[in-house]
Amino acid sequence: MSRTPPGHRAAYRYFQDVTTRWKDNDAFGHVNNVEYFSYFDTAVTYFEVKHAGIELPHGAIRCLVVEVICRYHKSVAFPDLLTVGLRVAHIGKSSVRYELGIFREGEDDAAAEGHFIHVFVDAATQRPVPIPPDVRANLQGYAVTN
């Protein structure tokens, strides 16, 4: 089975800097695999609050993670400075799929890539609701076609 090559920084529409922390490293001397999901979550949440118009954490609508995956291309380690690239790959009725890439400072090939799916839910009932029109319009500004 052939492996998908790493994506490039230019394929992403939004970028969020994150820093590795000493505690992120594991016994093998590189960032433990679970920490990448934290980097994804940080970038997505910051994007939603600052650029998509989602009122977290006290708004009437919340976003719940229903799926997240990560493919690892090469290791990163503390004290690497990282950038998470984000693009909106699909906007559904009540969900959005973000595709993400993690890049070391100064590198154009992703060290890791994955996706993160949020479902919009009513804060009180936790049931899916349509993405609000203003949020949908903001998301479309970062959308790509595959």
C-alpha atoms as a PDB file:
ATOM      1  CA  MET A   1       0.000   0.000   0.000  1.00  0.00           C
ATOM      2  CA  SER A   2       1.444   3.367  -0.964  1.00  0.00           C
ATOM      3  CA  ARG A   3       1.435   6.152   1.565  1.00  0.00           C
ATOM      4  CA  THR A   4      -0.134   9.541   0.856  1.00  0.00           C
ATOM      5  CA  PRO A   5       2.641  12.136   0.660  1.00  0.00           C
ATOM      6  CA  PRO A   6       2.508  15.089   3.045  1.00  0.00           C
ATOM      7  CA  GLY A   7       0.495  18.103   1.998  1.00  0.00           C
ATOM      8  CA  HIS A   8       1.895  21.580   1.506  1.00  0.00           C
ATOM      9  CA  ARG A   9       1.370  24.741   3.492  1.00  0.00           C
ATOM     10  CA  ALA A  10      -0.046  26.562   0.437  1.00  0.00           C
ATOM     11  CA  ALA A  11      -3.086  24.224   0.415  1.00  0.00           C
ATOM     12  CA  TYR A  12      -4.437  25.749   3.647  1.00  0.00           C
ATOM     13  CA  ARG A  13      -6.449  28.947   4.117  1.00  0.00           C
ATOM     14  CA  TYR A  14      -5.973  29.842   7.810  1.00  0.00           C
ATOM     15  CA  PHE A  15      -2.973  29.443  10.102  1.00  0.00           C
ATOM     16  CA  GLN A  16      -2.697  29.259  13.874  1.00  0.00           C
ATOM     17  CA  ASP A  17       0.650  29.180  15.662  1.00  0.00           C
ATOM     18  CA  VAL A  18       1.008  26.702  18.512  1.00  0.00           C
ATOM     19  CA  THR A  19       4.025  25.938  20.637  1.00  0.00           C
ATOM     20  CA  THR A  20       5.182  22.566  21.760  1.00  0.00           C
ATOM     21  CA  ARG A  21       5.564  22.165  25.500  1.00  0.00           C
ATOM     22  CA  TRP A  22       8.112  20.119  27.425  1.00  0.00           C
ATOM     23  CA  LYS A  23       5.306  17.882  28.703  1.00  0.00           C
ATOM     24  CA  ASP A  24       4.287  17.055  25.097  1.00  0.00           C
ATOM     25  CA  ASN A  25       7.408  14.918  24.574  1.00  0.00           C
ATOM     26  CA  ASP A  26       7.211  11.231  25.399  1.00  0.00           C
ATOM     27  CA  ALA A  27       9.835   8.672  26.394  1.00  0.00           C
ATOM     28  CA  PHE A  28      10.943   8.426  22.751  1.00  0.00           C
ATOM     29  CA  GLY A  29      11.949  12.104  22.682  1.00  0.00           C
ATOM     30  CA  HIS A  30       9.237  13.389  20.351  1.00  0.00           C
ATOM     31  CA  VAL A  31       5.735  14.788  20.744  1.00  0.00           C
ATOM     32  CA  ASN A  32       3.355  12.008  21.765  1.00  0.00           C
ATOM     33  CA  ASN A  33       0.683  11.197  19.200  1.00  0.00           C
ATOM     34  CA  VAL A  34      -2.236  12.340  21.379  1.00  0.00           C
ATOM     35  CA  GLU A  35      -0.866  15.884  21.596  1.00  0.00           C
ATOM     36  CA  TYR A  36      -1.479  16.442  17.878  1.00  0.00           C
ATOM     37  CA  PHE A  37      -5.212  16.246  18.579  1.00  0.00           C
ATOM     38  CA  SER A  38      -4.796  19.014  21.136  1.00  0.00           C
ATOM     39  CA  TYR A  39      -3.059  21.161  18.513  1.00  0.00           C
ATOM     40  CA  PHE A  40      -5.951  20.493  16.104  1.00  0.00           C
ATOM     41  CA  ASP A  41      -8.507  21.386  18.781  1.00  0.00           C
ATOM     42  CA  THR A  42      -6.700  24.613  19.677  1.00  0.00           C
ATOM     43  CA  ALA A  43      -6.531  25.760  16.055  1.00  0.00           C
ATOM     44  CA  VAL A  44     -10.157  24.855  15.262  1.00  0.00           C
ATOM     45  CA  THR A  45     -11.551  26.467  18.406  1.00  0.00           C
ATOM     46  CA  TYR A  46      -9.543  29.657  17.951  1.00  0.00           C
ATOM     47  CA  PHE A  47     -10.655  29.820  14.299  1.00  0.00           C
ATOM     48  CA  GLU A  48     -14.327  29.314  15.189  1.00  0.00           C
ATOM     49  CA  VAL A  49     -14.318  31.993  17.872  1.00  0.00           C
ATOM     50  CA  LYS A  50     -12.212  34.615  16.069  1.00  0.00           C
ATOM     51  CA  HIS A  51     -13.131  34.064  12.420  1.00  0.00           C
ATOM     52  CA  ALA A  52     -16.263  31.931  12.029  1.00  0.00           C
ATOM     53  CA  GLY A  53     -18.477  33.883  14.444  1.00  0.00           C
ATOM     54  CA  ILE A  54     -19.271  31.054  16.854  1.00  0.00           C
ATOM     55  CA  GLU A  55     -19.986  32.243  20.393  1.00  0.00           C
ATOM     56  CA  LEU A  56     -18.105  29.848  22.633  1.00  0.00           C
ATOM     57  CA  PRO A  57     -18.562  28.754  25.329  1.00  0.00           C
ATOM     58  CA  HIS A  58     -21.811  30.480  26.310  1.00  0.00           C
ATOM     59  CA  GLY A  59     -23.706  30.775  23.027  1.00  0.00           C
ATOM     60  CA  ALA A  60     -26.999  29.046  22.241  1.00  0.00           C
ATOM     61  CA  ILE A  61     -25.187  26.788  19.784  1.00  0.00           C
ATOM     62  CA  ARG A  62     -22.238  24.550  20.575  1.00  0.00           C
ATOM     63  CA  CYS A  63     -19.925  22.499  18.396  1.00  0.00           C
ATOM     64  CA  LEU A  64     -19.289  18.864  19.271  1.00  0.00           C
ATOM     65  CA  VAL A  65     -16.464  16.801  17.839  1.00  0.00           C
ATOM     66  CA  VAL A  66     -17.800  13.667  16.149  1.00  0.00           C
ATOM     67  CA  GLU A  67     -14.669  12.549  14.320  1.00  0.00           C
ATOM     68  CA  VAL A  68     -10.975  13.346  14.342  1.00  0.00           C
ATOM     69  CA  ILE A  69      -8.095  11.563  12.642  1.00  0.00           C
ATOM     70  CA  CYS A  70      -4.388  12.186  12.197  1.00  0.00           C
ATOM     71  CA  ARG A  71      -1.752  10.852   9.786  1.00  0.00           C
ATOM     72  CA  TYR A  72       1.831  11.314  10.912  1.00  0.00           C
ATOM     73  CA  HIS A  73       4.530  12.075   8.358  1.00  0.00           C
ATOM     74  CA  LYS A  74       7.486  13.026  10.577  1.00  0.00           C
ATOM     75  CA  SER A  75       8.175  13.667  14.232  1.00  0.00           C
ATOM     76  CA  VAL A  76       8.125  17.004  15.981  1.00  0.00           C
ATOM     77  CA  ALA A  77       9.571  17.672  19.431  1.00  0.00           C
ATOM     78  CA  PHE A  78       9.896  20.355  22.066  1.00  0.00           C
ATOM     79  CA  PRO A  79      10.977  23.155  21.493  1.00  0.00           C
ATOM     80  CA  ASP A  80       9.631  23.141  17.911  1.00  0.00           C
ATOM     81  CA  LEU A  81       7.433  26.060  16.934  1.00  0.00           C
ATOM     82  CA  LEU A  82       4.460  24.824  14.953  1.00  0.00           C
ATOM     83  CA  THR A  83       1.748  26.237  12.752  1.00  0.00           C
ATOM     84  CA  VAL A  84      -1.559  24.474  12.214  1.00  0.00           C
ATOM     85  CA  GLY A  85      -3.012  25.065   8.766  1.00  0.00           C
ATOM     86  CA  LEU A  86      -6.796  24.832   8.415  1.00  0.00           C
ATOM     87  CA  ARG A  87      -9.146  24.643   5.464  1.00  0.00           C
ATOM     88  CA  VAL A  88     -12.883  24.018   5.339  1.00  0.00           C
ATOM     89  CA  ALA A  89     -13.346  20.873   3.268  1.00  0.00           C
ATOM     90  CA  HIS A  90     -17.108  20.360   3.585  1.00  0.00           C
ATOM     91  CA  ILE A  91     -20.039  22.303   4.995  1.00  0.00           C
ATOM     92  CA  GLY A  92     -23.146  20.228   5.617  1.00  0.00           C
ATOM     93  CA  LYS A  93     -26.538  21.154   7.043  1.00  0.00           C
ATOM     94  CA  SER A  94     -25.356  20.923  10.660  1.00  0.00           C
ATOM     95  CA  SER A  95     -21.695  19.936  10.379  1.00  0.00           C
ATOM     96  CA  VAL A  96     -18.374  21.164   9.090  1.00  0.00           C
ATOM     97  CA  ARG A  97     -15.278  19.176   8.192  1.00  0.00           C
ATOM     98  CA  TYR A  98     -11.969  20.923   8.740  1.00  0.00           C
ATOM     99  CA  GLU A  99      -8.793  19.562   7.209  1.00  0.00           C
ATOM    100  CA  LEU A 100      -5.660  20.377   9.146  1.00  0.00           C
ATOM    101  CA  GLY A 101      -1.917  20.230   8.678  1.00  0.00           C
ATOM    102  CA  ILE A 102       0.794  20.687  11.277  1.00  0.00           C
ATOM    103  CA  PHE A 103       3.938  22.409  10.030  1.00  0.00           C
ATOM    104  CA  ARG A 104       7.290  23.048  11.668  1.00  0.00           C
ATOM    105  CA  GLU A 105       8.518  26.618  11.502  1.00  0.00           C
ATOM    106  CA  GLY A 106      10.012  27.262   8.080  1.00  0.00           C
ATOM    107  CA  GLU A 107       8.832  23.988   6.512  1.00  0.00           C
ATOM    108  CA  ASP A 108       6.310  23.674   3.691  1.00  0.00           C
ATOM    109  CA  ASP A 109       5.617  19.919   4.009  1.00  0.00           C
ATOM    110  CA  ALA A 110       3.232  18.866   6.765  1.00  0.00           C
ATOM    111  CA  ALA A 111       4.617  16.883   9.684  1.00  0.00           C
ATOM    112  CA  ALA A 112       1.073  15.581  10.297  1.00  0.00           C
ATOM    113  CA  GLU A 113      -2.346  15.984   8.706  1.00  0.00           C
ATOM    114  CA  GLY A 114      -5.875  15.053   9.560  1.00  0.00           C
ATOM    115  CA  HIS A 115      -9.446  16.160   9.778  1.00  0.00           C
ATOM    116  CA  PHE A 116     -11.801  17.314  12.477  1.00  0.00           C
ATOM    117  CA  ILE A 117     -15.607  17.228  12.153  1.00  0.00           C
ATOM    118  CA  HIS A 118     -17.812  19.457  14.278  1.00  0.00           C
ATOM    119  CA  VAL A 119     -21.581  19.091  14.543  1.00  0.00           C
ATOM    120  CA  PHE A 120     -23.543  22.188  15.547  1.00  0.00           C
ATOM    121  CA  VAL A 121     -25.966  21.447  18.386  1.00  0.00           C
ATOM    122  CA  ASP A 122     -28.457  23.325  20.521  1.00  0.00           C
ATOM    123  CA  ALA A 123     -26.696  24.028  23.828  1.00  0.00           C
ATOM    124  CA  ALA A 124     -29.734  23.017  25.901  1.00  0.00           C
ATOM    125  CA  THR A 125     -30.853  19.868  24.066  1.00  0.00           C
ATOM    126  CA  GLN A 126     -27.535  18.734  22.527  1.00  0.00           C
ATOM    127  CA  ARG A 127     -29.482  17.950  19.322  1.00  0.00           C
ATOM    128  CA  PRO A 128     -28.134  18.957  15.884  1.00  0.00           C
ATOM    129  CA  VAL A 129     -29.212  22.306  14.480  1.00  0.00           C
ATOM    130  CA  PRO A 130     -28.551  23.968  11.126  1.00  0.00           C
ATOM    131  CA  ILE A 131     -25.392  26.032  10.881  1.00  0.00           C
ATOM    132  CA  PRO A 132     -26.456  29.691  11.301  1.00  0.00           C
ATOM    133  CA  PRO A 133     -26.359  31.620   7.988  1.00  0.00           C
ATOM    134  CA  ASP A 134     -23.714  34.112   9.172  1.00  0.00           C
ATOM    135  CA  VAL A 135     -21.441  31.317  10.407  1.00  0.00           C
ATOM    136  CA  ARG A 136     -21.987  29.394   7.153  1.00  0.00           C
ATOM    137  CA  ALA A 137     -20.951  32.480   5.156  1.00  0.00           C
ATOM    138  CA  ASN A 138     -17.810  32.874   7.296  1.00  0.00           C
ATOM    139  CA  LEU A 139     -16.920  29.194   6.848  1.00  0.00           C
ATOM    140  CA  GLN A 140     -17.346  29.445   3.079  1.00  0.00           C
ATOM    141  CA  GLY A 141     -14.623  32.088   3.033  1.00  0.00           C
ATOM    142  CA  TYR A 142     -12.132  29.383   4.055  1.00  0.00           C
ATOM    143  CA  ALA A 143     -13.563  26.580   1.923  1.00  0.00           C
ATOM    144  CA  VAL A 144     -11.617  24.647  -0.679  1.00  0.00           C
ATOM    145  CA  THR A 145     -12.773  22.274  -3.374  1.00  0.00           C
ATOM    146  CA  ASN A 146     -11.093  18.904  -3.638  1.00  0.00           C
END
